[in-house]
């Protein structure tokens, strides 16, 4: 069986970059949500909070995948 450790490292590195992007998007949505909430757009803010929850869930799955790749 060929050694695919380089491919695993490259995949883990790419997933790590995507995870960083995920966190940056979450931070941006959080700032927008705060602004919306302060400016009377509570229903839109609630939708943004739901989007952040999805980002958090997916970030955890990405983190788990990265750890699995790095440990194998």
N, C-alpha and C. Protein backbone atom coordinates (compact mmCIF):
# COMPACT_ATOMS: atom_id res chain seq x y z
N UNK A 1 0.85 -1.17 0.00
CA UNK A 1 0.00 0.00 0.00
C UNK A 1 0.90 1.24 0.00
N UNK A 2 0.65 2.20 -0.91
CA UNK A 2 1.51 3.38 -0.98
C UNK A 2 1.34 4.26 0.26
N UNK A 3 2.44 4.96 0.61
CA UNK A 3 2.40 5.87 1.75
C UNK A 3 1.68 7.15 1.32
N UNK A 4 0.55 7.41 1.93
CA UNK A 4 -0.20 8.60 1.56
C UNK A 4 -0.16 9.65 2.66
N UNK A 5 0.89 9.63 3.49
CA UNK A 5 0.97 10.59 4.59
C UNK A 5 1.08 12.02 4.09
N UNK A 6 1.75 12.23 2.96
CA UNK A 6 1.83 13.59 2.39
C UNK A 6 0.46 14.09 1.98
N UNK A 7 -0.34 13.21 1.43
CA UNK A 7 -1.70 13.59 1.03
C UNK A 7 -2.55 13.90 2.25
N UNK A 8 -2.37 13.13 3.32
CA UNK A 8 -3.12 13.38 4.55
C UNK A 8 -2.72 14.72 5.16
N UNK A 9 -1.42 15.01 5.14
CA UNK A 9 -0.95 16.29 5.69
C UNK A 9 -1.50 17.45 4.86
N UNK A 10 -1.46 17.32 3.55
CA UNK A 10 -1.98 18.38 2.68
C UNK A 10 -3.48 18.58 2.90
N UNK A 11 -4.19 17.49 3.05
CA UNK A 11 -5.64 17.58 3.30
C UNK A 11 -5.91 18.24 4.64
N UNK A 12 -5.18 17.83 5.66
CA UNK A 12 -5.35 18.43 6.99
C UNK A 12 -5.01 19.91 6.96
N UNK A 13 -3.96 20.28 6.24
CA UNK A 13 -3.58 21.69 6.13
C UNK A 13 -4.67 22.50 5.42
N UNK A 14 -5.23 21.94 4.36
CA UNK A 14 -6.31 22.62 3.63
C UNK A 14 -7.54 22.77 4.51
N UNK A 15 -7.88 21.72 5.25
CA UNK A 15 -9.03 21.79 6.16
C UNK A 15 -8.79 22.81 7.27
N UNK A 16 -7.55 22.92 7.71
CA UNK A 16 -7.23 23.91 8.74
C UNK A 16 -7.47 25.32 8.22
N UNK A 17 -7.07 25.58 6.98
CA UNK A 17 -7.32 26.89 6.38
C UNK A 17 -8.82 27.15 6.24
N UNK A 18 -9.57 26.14 5.84
CA UNK A 18 -11.02 26.28 5.75
C UNK A 18 -11.62 26.55 7.13
N UNK A 19 -11.09 25.91 8.15
CA UNK A 19 -11.57 26.14 9.50
C UNK A 19 -11.31 27.59 9.93
N UNK A 20 -10.12 28.11 9.59
CA UNK A 20 -9.83 29.52 9.89
C UNK A 20 -10.82 30.44 9.18
N UNK A 21 -11.13 30.12 7.94
CA UNK A 21 -12.13 30.90 7.20
C UNK A 21 -13.49 30.81 7.89
N UNK A 22 -13.83 29.63 8.35
CA UNK A 22 -15.10 29.40 9.04
C UNK A 22 -15.20 30.31 10.27
N UNK A 23 -14.11 30.39 11.03
CA UNK A 23 -14.10 31.24 12.22
C UNK A 23 -14.21 32.72 11.85
N UNK A 24 -13.54 33.12 10.78
CA UNK A 24 -13.60 34.52 10.34
C UNK A 24 -15.02 34.88 9.88
N UNK A 25 -15.65 34.00 9.15
CA UNK A 25 -17.04 34.23 8.71
C UNK A 25 -17.96 34.33 9.93
N UNK A 26 -17.76 33.44 10.89
CA UNK A 26 -18.56 33.48 12.11
C UNK A 26 -18.40 34.79 12.85
N UNK A 27 -17.17 35.29 12.94
CA UNK A 27 -16.92 36.57 13.61
C UNK A 27 -17.60 37.72 12.88
N UNK A 28 -17.55 37.69 11.56
CA UNK A 28 -18.21 38.73 10.77
C UNK A 28 -19.72 38.69 10.96
N UNK A 29 -20.28 37.49 10.93
CA UNK A 29 -21.74 37.36 11.14
C UNK A 29 -22.11 37.83 12.54
N UNK A 30 -21.25 37.55 13.52
CA UNK A 30 -21.53 37.99 14.88
C UNK A 30 -21.58 39.52 14.97
N UNK A 31 -20.65 40.18 14.30
CA UNK A 31 -20.65 41.65 14.29
C UNK A 31 -21.90 42.20 13.60
N UNK A 32 -22.26 41.60 12.49
CA UNK A 32 -23.46 42.04 11.77
C UNK A 32 -24.70 41.79 12.61
N UNK A 33 -24.74 40.66 13.30
CA UNK A 33 -25.87 40.33 14.15
C UNK A 33 -26.03 41.36 15.26
N UNK A 34 -24.91 41.74 15.86
CA UNK A 34 -24.95 42.76 16.92
C UNK A 34 -25.52 44.06 16.37
N UNK A 35 -25.05 44.48 15.22
CA UNK A 35 -25.52 45.71 14.61
C UNK A 35 -27.02 45.62 14.29
N UNK A 36 -27.44 44.51 13.71
CA UNK A 36 -28.85 44.32 13.38
C UNK A 36 -29.72 44.39 14.63
N UNK A 37 -29.26 43.74 15.67
CA UNK A 37 -30.01 43.71 16.92
C UNK A 37 -30.14 45.11 17.52
N UNK A 38 -29.07 45.86 17.47
CA UNK A 38 -29.06 47.22 18.01
C UNK A 38 -29.91 48.19 17.18
N UNK A 39 -30.17 47.83 15.93
CA UNK A 39 -30.90 48.71 15.03
C UNK A 39 -32.30 48.20 14.72
N UNK A 40 -32.84 47.39 15.61
CA UNK A 40 -34.24 47.00 15.52
C UNK A 40 -34.58 45.89 14.55
N UNK A 41 -33.59 45.23 14.02
CA UNK A 41 -33.84 44.14 13.06
C UNK A 41 -33.69 42.80 13.76
N UNK A 42 -34.49 42.58 14.76
CA UNK A 42 -34.35 41.39 15.61
C UNK A 42 -34.62 40.09 14.85
N UNK A 43 -35.58 40.08 13.94
CA UNK A 43 -35.86 38.83 13.21
C UNK A 43 -34.71 38.48 12.27
N UNK A 44 -34.10 39.49 11.67
CA UNK A 44 -32.95 39.23 10.80
C UNK A 44 -31.77 38.77 11.66
N UNK A 45 -31.62 39.39 12.82
CA UNK A 45 -30.55 38.99 13.74
C UNK A 45 -30.73 37.54 14.17
N UNK A 46 -31.97 37.14 14.40
CA UNK A 46 -32.23 35.74 14.80
C UNK A 46 -31.81 34.78 13.69
N UNK A 47 -32.05 35.15 12.45
CA UNK A 47 -31.61 34.31 11.32
C UNK A 47 -30.09 34.22 11.27
N UNK A 48 -29.43 35.34 11.56
CA UNK A 48 -27.97 35.34 11.55
C UNK A 48 -27.43 34.45 12.67
N UNK A 49 -28.10 34.46 13.81
CA UNK A 49 -27.68 33.59 14.92
C UNK A 49 -27.81 32.12 14.52
N UNK A 50 -28.87 31.79 13.81
CA UNK A 50 -29.04 30.41 13.33
C UNK A 50 -27.90 30.03 12.38
N UNK A 51 -27.48 30.97 11.54
CA UNK A 51 -26.36 30.71 10.63
C UNK A 51 -25.07 30.48 11.42
N UNK A 52 -24.88 31.25 12.49
CA UNK A 52 -23.68 31.06 13.31
C UNK A 52 -23.69 29.70 13.99
N UNK A 53 -24.86 29.24 14.40
CA UNK A 53 -24.94 27.91 15.02
C UNK A 53 -24.54 26.82 14.03
N UNK A 54 -24.94 26.98 12.79
CA UNK A 54 -24.55 26.02 11.75
C UNK A 54 -23.04 26.06 11.55
N UNK A 55 -22.47 27.27 11.51
CA UNK A 55 -21.02 27.39 11.37
C UNK A 55 -20.30 26.70 12.52
N UNK A 56 -20.80 26.88 13.74
CA UNK A 56 -20.18 26.24 14.90
C UNK A 56 -20.23 24.72 14.81
N UNK A 57 -21.38 24.20 14.41
CA UNK A 57 -21.52 22.75 14.26
C UNK A 57 -20.55 22.21 13.21
N UNK A 58 -20.51 22.89 12.08
CA UNK A 58 -19.62 22.45 11.00
C UNK A 58 -18.16 22.62 11.37
N UNK A 59 -17.84 23.66 12.12
CA UNK A 59 -16.45 23.87 12.55
C UNK A 59 -16.00 22.71 13.42
N UNK A 60 -16.87 22.22 14.26
CA UNK A 60 -16.51 21.08 15.10
C UNK A 60 -16.26 19.84 14.25
N UNK A 61 -17.08 19.62 13.24
CA UNK A 61 -16.88 18.46 12.36
C UNK A 61 -15.57 18.59 11.59
N UNK A 62 -15.24 19.79 11.14
CA UNK A 62 -13.98 20.01 10.43
C UNK A 62 -12.80 19.76 11.39
N UNK A 63 -12.91 20.26 12.61
CA UNK A 63 -11.86 20.04 13.61
C UNK A 63 -11.65 18.55 13.85
N UNK A 64 -12.73 17.82 13.98
CA UNK A 64 -12.64 16.37 14.20
C UNK A 64 -11.94 15.69 13.02
N UNK A 65 -12.27 16.10 11.81
CA UNK A 65 -11.65 15.51 10.62
C UNK A 65 -10.15 15.83 10.57
N UNK A 66 -9.79 17.06 10.92
CA UNK A 66 -8.38 17.44 10.94
C UNK A 66 -7.63 16.58 11.95
N UNK A 67 -8.18 16.42 13.14
CA UNK A 67 -7.52 15.61 14.16
C UNK A 67 -7.36 14.17 13.71
N UNK A 68 -8.38 13.64 13.06
CA UNK A 68 -8.32 12.26 12.58
C UNK A 68 -7.21 12.09 11.54
N UNK A 69 -7.12 13.05 10.62
CA UNK A 69 -6.08 12.99 9.59
C UNK A 69 -4.69 13.12 10.20
N UNK A 70 -4.53 14.01 11.14
CA UNK A 70 -3.20 14.25 11.73
C UNK A 70 -2.76 13.08 12.61
N UNK A 71 -3.70 12.33 13.14
CA UNK A 71 -3.35 11.21 14.01
C UNK A 71 -3.14 9.90 13.24
N UNK A 72 -3.56 9.88 11.98
CA UNK A 72 -3.43 8.63 11.22
C UNK A 72 -2.15 8.57 10.42
